[in-house]
PDB file of N, CA and C in Angstrom:
ATOM      1  N   MET A   1       0.765  -1.249  -0.026  1.00  0.00           N
ATOM      2  CA  MET A   1      -0.065  -0.046  -0.030  1.00  0.00           C
ATOM      3  C   MET A   1       0.893   1.214   0.003  1.00  0.00           C
ATOM      4  N   LEU A   2       1.937   1.249   0.799  1.00  0.00           N
ATOM      5  CA  LEU A   2       2.836   2.432   0.911  1.00  0.00           C
ATOM      6  C   LEU A   2       3.488   2.610  -0.425  1.00  0.00           C
ATOM      7  N   ASN A   3       3.818   1.491  -1.051  1.00  0.00           N
ATOM      8  CA  ASN A   3       4.490   1.562  -2.453  1.00  0.00           C
ATOM      9  C   ASN A   3       3.651   2.367  -3.368  1.00  0.00           C
ATOM     10  N   TYR A   4       2.359   2.147  -3.410  1.00  0.00           N
ATOM     11  CA  TYR A   4       1.573   2.836  -4.339  1.00  0.00           C
ATOM     12  C   TYR A   4       1.342   4.229  -3.947  1.00  0.00           C
ATOM     13  N   ILE A   5       1.613   4.726  -2.732  1.00  0.00           N
ATOM     14  CA  ILE A   5       1.530   6.151  -2.482  1.00  0.00           C
ATOM     15  C   ILE A   5       2.888   6.744  -2.934  1.00  0.00           C
ATOM     16  N   PHE A   6       3.945   6.193  -2.808  1.00  0.00           N
ATOM     17  CA  PHE A   6       5.136   6.720  -3.385  1.00  0.00           C
ATOM     18  C   PHE A   6       5.196   6.741  -4.948  1.00  0.00           C
ATOM     19  N   ILE A   7       4.577   5.672  -5.497  1.00  0.00           N
ATOM     20  CA  ILE A   7       4.511   5.676  -6.943  1.00  0.00           C
ATOM     21  C   ILE A   7       3.704   6.807  -7.459  1.00  0.00           C
ATOM     22  N   THR A   8       2.623   6.930  -6.730  1.00  0.00           N
ATOM     23  CA  THR A   8       1.764   8.232  -7.065  1.00  0.00           C
ATOM     24  C   THR A   8       2.501   9.497  -6.929  1.00  0.00           C
ATOM     25  N   LEU A   9       3.182   9.697  -5.783  1.00  0.00           N
ATOM     26  CA  LEU A   9       3.955  10.930  -5.552  1.00  0.00           C
ATOM     27  C   LEU A   9       5.154  11.029  -6.695  1.00  0.00           C
ATOM     28  N   ILE A  10       5.699   9.901  -7.080  1.00  0.00           N
ATOM     29  CA  ILE A  10       6.756  10.036  -8.121  1.00  0.00           C
ATOM     30  C   ILE A  10       6.148  10.466  -9.327  1.00  0.00           C
ATOM     31  N   VAL A  11       4.947  10.012  -9.806  1.00  0.00           N
ATOM     32  CA  VAL A  11       4.229  10.373 -11.058  1.00  0.00           C
ATOM     33  C   VAL A  11       3.763  11.846 -10.946  1.00  0.00           C
ATOM     34  N   ILE A  12       3.241  12.216  -9.791  1.00  0.00           N
ATOM     35  CA  ILE A  12       2.850  13.623  -9.742  1.00  0.00           C
ATOM     36  C   ILE A  12       4.126  14.561  -9.807  1.00  0.00           C
ATOM     37  N   ALA A  13       5.109  14.292  -9.056  1.00  0.00           N
ATOM     38  CA  ALA A  13       6.294  15.069  -9.165  1.00  0.00           C
ATOM     39  C   ALA A  13       6.811  15.214 -10.502  1.00  0.00           C
ATOM     40  N   PHE A  14       6.827  14.141 -11.327  1.00  0.00           N
ATOM     41  CA  PHE A  14       7.346  14.148 -12.611  1.00  0.00           C
ATOM     42  C   PHE A  14       6.546  14.957 -13.525  1.00  0.00           C
ATOM     43  N   VAL A  15       5.148  14.863 -13.361  1.00  0.00           N
ATOM     44  CA  VAL A  15       4.242  15.730 -14.151  1.00  0.00           C
ATOM     45  C   VAL A  15       4.424  17.210 -13.821  1.00  0.00           C
ATOM     46  N   VAL A  16       4.649  17.502 -12.579  1.00  0.00           N
ATOM     47  CA  VAL A  16       4.818  19.024 -12.133  1.00  0.00           C
ATOM     48  C   VAL A  16       6.048  19.485 -12.720  1.00  0.00           C
ATOM     49  N   TYR A  17       7.188  18.559 -12.644  1.00  0.00           N
ATOM     50  CA  TYR A  17       8.400  18.962 -13.307  1.00  0.00           C
ATOM     51  C   TYR A  17       8.291  19.253 -14.669  1.00  0.00           C
ATOM     52  N   PHE A  18       7.615  18.433 -15.464  1.00  0.00           N
ATOM     53  CA  PHE A  18       7.496  18.527 -16.846  1.00  0.00           C
ATOM     54  C   PHE A  18       6.573  19.782 -17.265  1.00  0.00           C
ATOM     55  N   TYR A  19       5.676  20.059 -16.418  1.00  0.00           N
ATOM     56  CA  TYR A  19       4.813  21.274 -16.562  1.00  0.00           C
ATOM     57  C   TYR A  19       5.622  22.606 -16.422  1.00  0.00           C
ATOM     58  N   PHE A  20       6.423  22.635 -15.407  1.00  0.00           N
ATOM     59  CA  PHE A  20       7.108  23.890 -15.156  1.00  0.00           C
ATOM     60  C   PHE A  20       8.397  23.992 -16.177  1.00  0.00           C
ATOM     61  N   LYS A  21       8.917  22.832 -16.502  1.00  0.00           N
ATOM     62  CA  LYS A  21       9.945  22.923 -17.737  1.00  0.00           C
ATOM     63  C   LYS A  21       9.201  23.384 -19.029  1.00  0.00           C
ATOM     64  N   THR A  22       8.180  23.010 -19.292  1.00  0.00           N
ATOM     65  CA  THR A  22       7.419  23.474 -20.497  1.00  0.00           C
ATOM     66  C   THR A  22       7.083  24.996 -20.405  1.00  0.00           C
ATOM     67  N   LYS A  23       6.702  25.437 -19.262  1.00  0.00           N
ATOM     68  CA  LYS A  23       6.371  26.854 -18.918  1.00  0.00           C
ATOM     69  C   LYS A  23       7.667  27.651 -19.117  1.00  0.00           C
ATOM     70  N   GLN A  24       8.768  27.083 -18.656  1.00  0.00           N
ATOM     71  CA  GLN A  24      10.025  27.804 -18.729  1.00  0.00           C
ATOM     72  C   GLN A  24      10.421  28.060 -20.243  1.00  0.00           C
ATOM     73  N   PHE A  25      10.157  26.973 -21.054  1.00  0.00           N
ATOM     74  CA  PHE A  25      10.594  27.086 -22.421  1.00  0.00           C
ATOM     75  C   PHE A  25       9.732  28.062 -23.187  1.00  0.00           C
ATOM     76  N   ARG A  26       8.346  28.195 -22.700  1.00  0.00           N
ATOM     77  CA  ARG A  26       7.499  29.018 -23.560  1.00  0.00           C
ATOM     78  C   ARG A  26       7.541  30.519 -23.250  1.00  0.00           C
ATOM     79  N   THR A  27       8.109  30.843 -22.050  1.00  0.00           N
ATOM     80  CA  THR A  27       8.072  32.315 -21.682  1.00  0.00           C
ATOM     81  C   THR A  27       9.378  33.110 -22.287  1.00  0.00           C
ATOM     82  N   ASN A  28       9.129  34.307 -22.482  1.00  0.00           N
ATOM     83  CA  ASN A  28      10.212  35.202 -22.975  1.00  0.00           C
ATOM     84  C   ASN A  28      10.886  35.885 -21.961  1.00  0.00           C
ATOM     85  N   LEU A  29      10.298  36.154 -20.761  1.00  0.00           N
ATOM     86  CA  LEU A  29      10.910  37.003 -19.727  1.00  0.00           C
ATOM     87  C   LEU A  29      11.953  36.241 -18.922  1.00  0.00           C
ATOM     88  N   PRO A  30      13.245  36.775 -18.762  1.00  0.00           N
ATOM     89  CA  PRO A  30      14.291  36.072 -18.135  1.00  0.00           C
ATOM     90  C   PRO A  30      14.096  35.683 -16.702  1.00  0.00           C
ATOM     91  N   ILE A  31      13.646  36.518 -15.813  1.00  0.00           N
ATOM     92  CA  ILE A  31      13.282  36.252 -14.476  1.00  0.00           C
ATOM     93  C   ILE A  31      12.184  35.111 -14.405  1.00  0.00           C
ATOM     94  N   ARG A  32      11.215  35.253 -15.187  1.00  0.00           N
ATOM     95  CA  ARG A  32      10.197  34.256 -15.166  1.00  0.00           C
ATOM     96  C   ARG A  32      10.627  32.890 -15.603  1.00  0.00           C
ATOM     97  N   LYS A  33      11.620  32.838 -16.466  1.00  0.00           N
ATOM     98  CA  LYS A  33      12.255  31.637 -16.875  1.00  0.00           C
ATOM     99  C   LYS A  33      12.994  31.101 -15.643  1.00  0.00           C
ATOM    100  N   LYS A  34      13.719  31.883 -15.063  1.00  0.00           N
ATOM    101  CA  LYS A  34      14.592  31.456 -13.769  1.00  0.00           C
ATOM    102  C   LYS A  34      13.549  30.855 -12.676  1.00  0.00           C
ATOM    103  N   TRP A  35      12.404  31.610 -12.559  1.00  0.00           N
ATOM    104  CA  TRP A  35      11.468  31.156 -11.507  1.00  0.00           C
ATOM    105  C   TRP A  35      10.844  29.841 -11.822  1.00  0.00           C
ATOM    106  N   TYR A  36      10.443  29.520 -13.113  1.00  0.00           N
ATOM    107  CA  TYR A  36       9.949  28.283 -13.506  1.00  0.00           C
ATOM    108  C   TYR A  36      11.005  27.268 -13.453  1.00  0.00           C
ATOM    109  N   LYS A  37      12.131  27.531 -13.665  1.00  0.00           N
ATOM    110  CA  LYS A  37      13.268  26.639 -13.515  1.00  0.00           C
ATOM    111  C   LYS A  37      13.533  26.164 -12.131  1.00  0.00           C
ATOM    112  N   ALA A  38      13.438  27.133 -11.171  1.00  0.00           N
ATOM    113  CA  ALA A  38      13.630  26.765  -9.843  1.00  0.00           C
ATOM    114  C   ALA A  38      12.452  25.980  -9.339  1.00  0.00           C
ATOM    115  N   LYS A  39      11.132  26.351  -9.746  1.00  0.00           N
ATOM    116  CA  LYS A  39      10.011  25.491  -9.323  1.00  0.00           C
ATOM    117  C   LYS A  39      10.110  24.054  -9.916  1.00  0.00           C
ATOM    118  N   ALA A  40      10.643  23.918 -11.076  1.00  0.00           N
ATOM    119  CA  ALA A  40      10.943  22.577 -11.651  1.00  0.00           C
ATOM    120  C   ALA A  40      11.793  21.862 -10.893  1.00  0.00           C
ATOM    121  N   GLY A  41      12.930  22.642 -10.430  1.00  0.00           N
ATOM    122  CA  GLY A  41      13.877  22.028  -9.527  1.00  0.00           C
ATOM    123  C   GLY A  41      13.375  21.481  -8.240  1.00  0.00           C
ATOM    124  N   VAL A  42      12.500  22.088  -7.685  1.00  0.00           N
ATOM    125  CA  VAL A  42      11.748  21.567  -6.398  1.00  0.00           C
ATOM    126  C   VAL A  42      11.002  20.377  -6.708  1.00  0.00           C
ATOM    127  N   ALA A  43      10.418  20.294  -7.745  1.00  0.00           N
ATOM    128  CA  ALA A  43       9.566  19.010  -8.245  1.00  0.00           C
ATOM    129  C   ALA A  43      10.559  17.781  -8.542  1.00  0.00           C
ATOM    130  N   LEU A  44      11.730  18.287  -9.117  1.00  0.00           N
ATOM    131  CA  LEU A  44      12.713  17.192  -9.334  1.00  0.00           C
ATOM    132  C   LEU A  44      13.245  16.657  -8.053  1.00  0.00           C
ATOM    133  N   GLY A  45      13.617  17.550  -7.080  1.00  0.00           N
ATOM    134  CA  GLY A  45      13.970  17.027  -5.860  1.00  0.00           C
ATOM    135  C   GLY A  45      13.061  16.051  -5.069  1.00  0.00           C
ATOM    136  N   ILE A  46      11.804  16.531  -5.080  1.00  0.00           N
ATOM    137  CA  ILE A  46      10.712  15.659  -4.633  1.00  0.00           C
ATOM    138  C   ILE A  46      10.699  14.317  -5.173  1.00  0.00           C
ATOM    139  N   PHE A  47      10.929  14.340  -6.530  1.00  0.00           N
ATOM    140  CA  PHE A  47      10.836  13.122  -7.337  1.00  0.00           C
ATOM    141  C   PHE A  47      11.993  12.249  -6.852  1.00  0.00           C
ATOM    142  N   ILE A  48      13.163  12.820  -6.583  1.00  0.00           N
ATOM    143  CA  ILE A  48      14.352  12.049  -6.263  1.00  0.00           C
ATOM    144  C   ILE A  48      14.265  11.466  -4.880  1.00  0.00           C
ATOM    145  N   ILE A  49      13.656  12.211  -4.055  1.00  0.00           N
ATOM    146  CA  ILE A  49      13.429  11.681  -2.642  1.00  0.00           C
ATOM    147  C   ILE A  49      12.453  10.571  -2.627  1.00  0.00           C
ATOM    148  N   ALA A  50      11.411  10.851  -3.296  1.00  0.00           N
ATOM    149  CA  ALA A  50      10.324   9.673  -3.363  1.00  0.00           C
ATOM    150  C   ALA A  50      10.819   8.497  -4.026  1.00  0.00           C
ATOM    151  N   PHE A  51      11.653   8.637  -5.071  1.00  0.00           N
ATOM    152  CA  PHE A  51      12.280   7.364  -5.746  1.00  0.00           C
ATOM    153  C   PHE A  51      13.213   6.667  -4.724  1.00  0.00           C
ATOM    154  N   GLY A  52      13.913   7.365  -4.112  1.00  0.00           N
ATOM    155  CA  GLY A  52      14.823   6.832  -3.047  1.00  0.00           C
ATOM    156  C   GLY A  52      14.138   6.057  -1.920  1.00  0.00           C
ATOM    157  N   ILE A  53      13.050   6.633  -1.507  1.00  0.00           N
ATOM    158  CA  ILE A  53      12.320   6.017  -0.386  1.00  0.00           C
ATOM    159  C   ILE A  53      11.503   4.776  -0.908  1.00  0.00           C
ATOM    160  N   ASN A  54      11.100   4.958  -2.122  1.00  0.00           N
ATOM    161  CA  ASN A  54      10.407   3.774  -2.851  1.00  0.00           C
ATOM    162  C   ASN A  54      11.346   2.618  -3.029  1.00  0.00           C
ATOM    163  N   ALA A  55      12.584   2.921  -3.275  1.00  0.00           N
ATOM    164  CA  ALA A  55      13.551   1.800  -3.415  1.00  0.00           C
ATOM    165  C   ALA A  55      13.801   1.036  -2.063  1.00  0.00           C
ATOM    166  N   ILE A  56      13.623   1.657  -0.992  1.00  0.00           N
ATOM    167  CA  ILE A  56      13.755   0.903   0.352  1.00  0.00           C
ATOM    168  C   ILE A  56      12.406   0.123   0.549  1.00  0.00           C
ATOM    169  N   ILE A  57      11.361   0.600   0.046  1.00  0.00           N
ATOM    170  CA  ILE A  57      10.135  -0.225   0.329  1.00  0.00           C
ATOM    171  C   ILE A  57      10.201  -1.500  -0.508  1.00  0.00           C
ATOM    172  N   ILE A  58      10.657  -1.448  -1.615  1.00  0.00           N
ATOM    173  CA  ILE A  58      10.713  -2.549  -2.549  1.00  0.00           C
ATOM    174  C   ILE A  58      11.850  -3.575  -2.245  1.00  0.00           C
ATOM    175  N   HIS A  59      13.075  -3.061  -2.021  1.00  0.00           N
ATOM    176  CA  HIS A  59      14.199  -3.933  -1.726  1.00  0.00           C
ATOM    177  C   HIS A  59      14.715  -3.489  -0.399  1.00  0.00           C
ATOM    178  N   GLN A  60      14.686  -4.322   0.628  1.00  0.00           N
ATOM    179  CA  GLN A  60      15.235  -3.944   1.872  1.00  0.00           C
ATOM    180  C   GLN A  60      16.538  -4.637   2.138  1.00  0.00           C
ATOM    181  N   SER A  61      17.599  -3.947   1.777  1.00  0.00           N
ATOM    182  CA  SER A  61      18.851  -4.384   2.165  1.00  0.00           C
ATOM    183  C   SER A  61      19.802  -3.145   2.324  1.00  0.00           C
ATOM    184  N   LEU A  62      21.005  -3.566   2.875  1.00  0.00           N
ATOM    185  CA  LEU A  62      21.967  -2.436   3.097  1.00  0.00           C
ATOM    186  C   LEU A  62      22.265  -1.595   1.914  1.00  0.00           C
ATOM    187  N   VAL A  63      22.424  -2.158   0.724  1.00  0.00           N
ATOM    188  CA  VAL A  63      22.583  -1.335  -0.412  1.00  0.00           C
ATOM    189  C   VAL A  63      21.558  -0.315  -0.593  1.00  0.00           C
ATOM    190  N   SER A  64      20.247  -0.950  -0.494  1.00  0.00           N
ATOM    191  CA  SER A  64      19.112   0.017  -0.671  1.00  0.00           C
ATOM    192  C   SER A  64      19.148   1.098   0.361  1.00  0.00           C
ATOM    193  N   TYR A  65      19.401   0.822   1.545  1.00  0.00           N
ATOM    194  CA  TYR A  65      19.546   1.953   2.557  1.00  0.00           C
ATOM    195  C   TYR A  65      20.569   2.872   2.156  1.00  0.00           C
ATOM    196  N   ILE A  66      21.631   2.528   1.643  1.00  0.00           N
ATOM    197  CA  ILE A  66      22.723   3.485   1.274  1.00  0.00           C
ATOM    198  C   ILE A  66      22.301   4.252   0.161  1.00  0.00           C
ATOM    199  N   ILE A  67      21.732   3.710  -0.973  1.00  0.00           N
ATOM    200  CA  ILE A  67      21.151   4.468  -2.032  1.00  0.00           C
ATOM    201  C   ILE A  67      20.069   5.439  -1.650  1.00  0.00           C
ATOM    202  N   CYS A  68      19.113   4.967  -0.848  1.00  0.00           N
ATOM    203  CA  CYS A  68      18.155   5.784  -0.314  1.00  0.00           C
ATOM    204  C   CYS A  68      18.624   6.971   0.377  1.00  0.00           C
ATOM    205  N   ALA A  69      19.643   6.900   1.253  1.00  0.00           N
ATOM    206  CA  ALA A  69      20.323   7.907   1.960  1.00  0.00           C
ATOM    207  C   ALA A  69      20.975   8.955   0.933  1.00  0.00           C
ATOM    208  N   VAL A  70      21.542   8.473   0.056  1.00  0.00           N
ATOM    209  CA  VAL A  70      22.094   9.344  -0.977  1.00  0.00           C
ATOM    210  C   VAL A  70      21.214  10.081  -1.837  1.00  0.00           C
ATOM    211  N   PHE A  71      20.039   9.439  -2.229  1.00  0.00           N
ATOM    212  CA  PHE A  71      18.982   9.925  -2.922  1.00  0.00           C
ATOM    213  C   PHE A  71      18.271  11.055  -2.082  1.00  0.00           C
ATOM    214  N   ALA A  72      17.994  10.625  -0.905  1.00  0.00           N
ATOM    215  CA  ALA A  72      17.340  11.608   0.037  1.00  0.00           C
ATOM    216  C   ALA A  72      18.149  12.946   0.217  1.00  0.00           C
ATOM    217  N   ILE A  73      19.406  12.703   0.418  1.00  0.00           N
ATOM    218  CA  ILE A  73      20.335  13.850   0.708  1.00  0.00           C
ATOM    219  C   ILE A  73      20.284  14.836  -0.667  1.00  0.00           C
ATOM    220  N   ILE A  74      20.510  14.093  -1.657  1.00  0.00           N
ATOM    221  CA  ILE A  74      20.619  14.830  -2.998  1.00  0.00           C
ATOM    222  C   ILE A  74      19.331  15.619  -3.348  1.00  0.00           C
ATOM    223  N   GLY A  75      18.248  14.827  -3.082  1.00  0.00           N
ATOM    224  CA  GLY A  75      16.849  15.363  -3.395  1.00  0.00           C
ATOM    225  C   GLY A  75      16.525  16.503  -2.374  1.00  0.00           C
ATOM    226  N   PHE A  76      16.899  16.418  -1.174  1.00  0.00           N
ATOM    227  CA  PHE A  76      16.620  17.374  -0.302  1.00  0.00           C
ATOM    228  C   PHE A  76      17.392  18.696  -0.611  1.00  0.00           C
ATOM    229  N   MET A  77      18.636  18.536  -0.931  1.00  0.00           N
ATOM    230  CA  MET A  77      19.524  19.655  -1.283  1.00  0.00           C
ATOM    231  C   MET A  77      18.948  20.381  -2.419  1.00  0.00           C
ATOM    232  N   GLU A  78      18.547  19.521  -3.532  1.00  0.00           N
ATOM    233  CA  GLU A  78      17.985  20.152  -4.776  1.00  0.00           C
ATOM    234  C   GLU A  78      16.692  20.888  -4.416  1.00  0.00           C
ATOM    235  N   SER A  79      15.836  20.277  -3.551  1.00  0.00           N
ATOM    236  CA  SER A  79      14.583  20.897  -3.322  1.00  0.00           C
ATOM    237  C   SER A  79      14.815  22.148  -2.480  1.00  0.00           C
ATOM    238  N   TYR A  80      15.641  22.147  -1.522  1.00  0.00           N
ATOM    239  CA  TYR A  80      15.870  23.256  -0.741  1.00  0.00           C
ATOM    240  C   TYR A  80      16.455  24.432  -1.371  1.00  0.00           C
ATOM    241  N   SER A  81      17.444  24.090  -2.213  1.00  0.00           N
ATOM    242  CA  SER A  81      18.123  25.281  -2.802  1.00  0.00           C
ATOM    243  C   SER A  81      17.221  25.973  -4.015  1.00  0.00           C
ATOM    244  N   ASN A  82      16.421  25.085  -4.670  1.00  0.00           N
ATOM    245  CA  ASN A  82      15.523  25.617  -5.650  1.00  0.00           C
ATOM    246  C   ASN A  82      14.378  26.335  -5.011  1.00  0.00           C
ATOM    247  N   TYR A  83      13.854  25.845  -3.840  1.00  0.00           N
ATOM    248  CA  TYR A  83      12.840  26.592  -3.085  1.00  0.00           C
ATOM    249  C   TYR A  83      13.203  27.903  -2.803  1.00  0.00           C
ATOM    250  N   LYS A  84      14.430  27.992  -2.218  1.00  0.00           N
ATOM    251  CA  LYS A  84      14.954  29.375  -1.857  1.00  0.00           C
ATOM    252  C   LYS A  84      15.027  30.219  -3.075  1.00  0.00           C
ATOM    253  N   ARG A  85      15.556  29.718  -4.126  1.00  0.00           N
ATOM    254  CA  ARG A  85      15.617  30.398  -5.454  1.00  0.00           C
ATOM    255  C   ARG A  85      14.409  30.885  -5.930  1.00  0.00           C
ATOM    256  N   ALA A  86      13.353  30.040  -5.956  1.00  0.00           N
ATOM    257  CA  ALA A  86      11.947  30.354  -6.456  1.00  0.00           C
ATOM    258  C   ALA A  86      11.295  31.396  -5.521  1.00  0.00           C
ATOM    259  N   ARG A  87      11.536  31.383  -4.325  1.00  0.00           N
ATOM    260  CA  ARG A  87      11.074  32.375  -3.372  1.00  0.00           C
ATOM    261  C   ARG A  87      11.621  33.714  -3.639  1.00  0.00           C
ATOM    262  N   HIS A  88      13.101  33.746  -3.825  1.00  0.00           N
ATOM    263  CA  HIS A  88      13.716  35.001  -4.044  1.00  0.00           C
ATOM    264  C   HIS A  88      13.291  35.622  -5.481  1.00  0.00           C
ATOM    265  N   GLU A  89      13.198  34.833  -6.465  1.00  0.00           N
ATOM    266  CA  GLU A  89      12.900  35.244  -7.828  1.00  0.00           C
ATOM    267  C   GLU A  89      11.372  35.577  -7.996  1.00  0.00           C
ATOM    268  N   GLY A  90      10.470  34.948  -7.117  1.00  0.00           N
ATOM    269  CA  GLY A  90       9.091  35.170  -7.247  1.00  0.00           C
ATOM    270  C   GLY A  90       8.782  36.529  -6.865  1.00  0.00           C
ATOM    271  N   LYS A  91       9.637  37.280  -6.076  1.00  0.00           N
ATOM    272  CA  LYS A  91       9.376  38.639  -5.762  1.00  0.00           C
ATOM    273  C   LYS A  91       9.466  39.622  -6.999  1.00  0.00           C
ATOM    274  N   PHE A  92      10.346  39.198  -7.949  1.00  0.00           N
ATOM    275  CA  PHE A  92      10.526  40.159  -9.016  1.00  0.00           C
ATOM    276  C   PHE A  92       9.726  39.725 -10.316  1.00  0.00           C
ATOM    277  N   VAL A  93       8.856  38.811 -10.290  1.00  0.00           N
ATOM    278  CA  VAL A  93       8.151  38.313 -11.421  1.00  0.00           C
ATOM    279  C   VAL A  93       7.121  39.292 -11.901  1.00  0.00           C
ATOM    280  N   MET A  94       6.368  39.844 -10.864  1.00  0.00           N
ATOM    281  CA  MET A  94       5.349  40.858 -11.247  1.00  0.00           C
ATOM    282  C   MET A  94       5.941  42.193 -11.613  1.00  0.00           C
ATOM    283  N   GLU A  95       7.065  42.495 -11.025  1.00  0.00           N
ATOM    284  CA  GLU A  95       7.695  43.738 -11.359  1.00  0.00           C
ATOM    285  C   GLU A  95       8.247  43.607 -12.849  1.00  0.00           C
ATOM    286  N   GLU A  96       8.791  42.474 -13.218  1.00  0.00           N
ATOM    287  CA  GLU A  96       9.342  42.313 -14.613  1.00  0.00           C
ATOM    288  C   GLU A  96       8.075  42.341 -15.603  1.00  0.00           C
ATOM    289  N   TYR A  97       7.008  41.881 -15.230  1.00  0.00           N
ATOM    290  CA  TYR A  97       5.791  41.674 -16.113  1.00  0.00           C
ATOM    291  C   TYR A  97       5.411  43.209 -16.263  1.00  0.00           C
ATOM    292  N   GLU A  98       5.362  44.000 -15.193  1.00  0.00           N
ATOM    293  CA  GLU A  98       4.874  45.487 -15.392  1.00  0.00           C
ATOM    294  C   GLU A  98       5.831  46.182 -16.177  1.00  0.00           C
ATOM    295  N   LEU A  99       7.116  45.908 -16.247  1.00  0.00           N
ATOM    296  CA  LEU A  99       8.089  46.723 -17.033  1.00  0.00           C
ATOM    297  C   LEU A  99       7.984  46.266 -18.498  1.00  0.00           C
ATOM    298  N   ASN A 100       7.683  45.061 -18.676  1.00  0.00           N
ATOM    299  CA  ASN A 100       7.708  44.622 -20.102  1.00  0.00           C
ATOM    300  C   ASN A 100       6.324  44.512 -20.684  1.00  0.00           C
ATOM    301  N   LYS A 101       5.376  45.191 -20.338  1.00  0.00           N
ATOM    302  CA  LYS A 101       3.961  45.218 -20.885  1.00  0.00           C
ATOM    303  C   LYS A 101       4.022  45.561 -22.382  1.00  0.00           C
TER     304      LYS A 101
END
């Protein structure tokens, strides 16, 4: 049952990542591009964390625990740094839009 929850989370994170990457390529404004890139990075980090935890649920061995720890650390660092970046650049998105009307 827990496996299905993480599979659903993996799929949702991938869809959100793909959505923001598509939005990034379609916009012309540079700060908005960076903002969408950072939001996609948060989704990618969540994807990596969920994938690592799902690996522990499927295969319970020492190697799986090590891989999960590495994936969780990398995913957390990716999500956290991109969350900070998205929060910072989100302040300037509306200002950039007003300047480029």
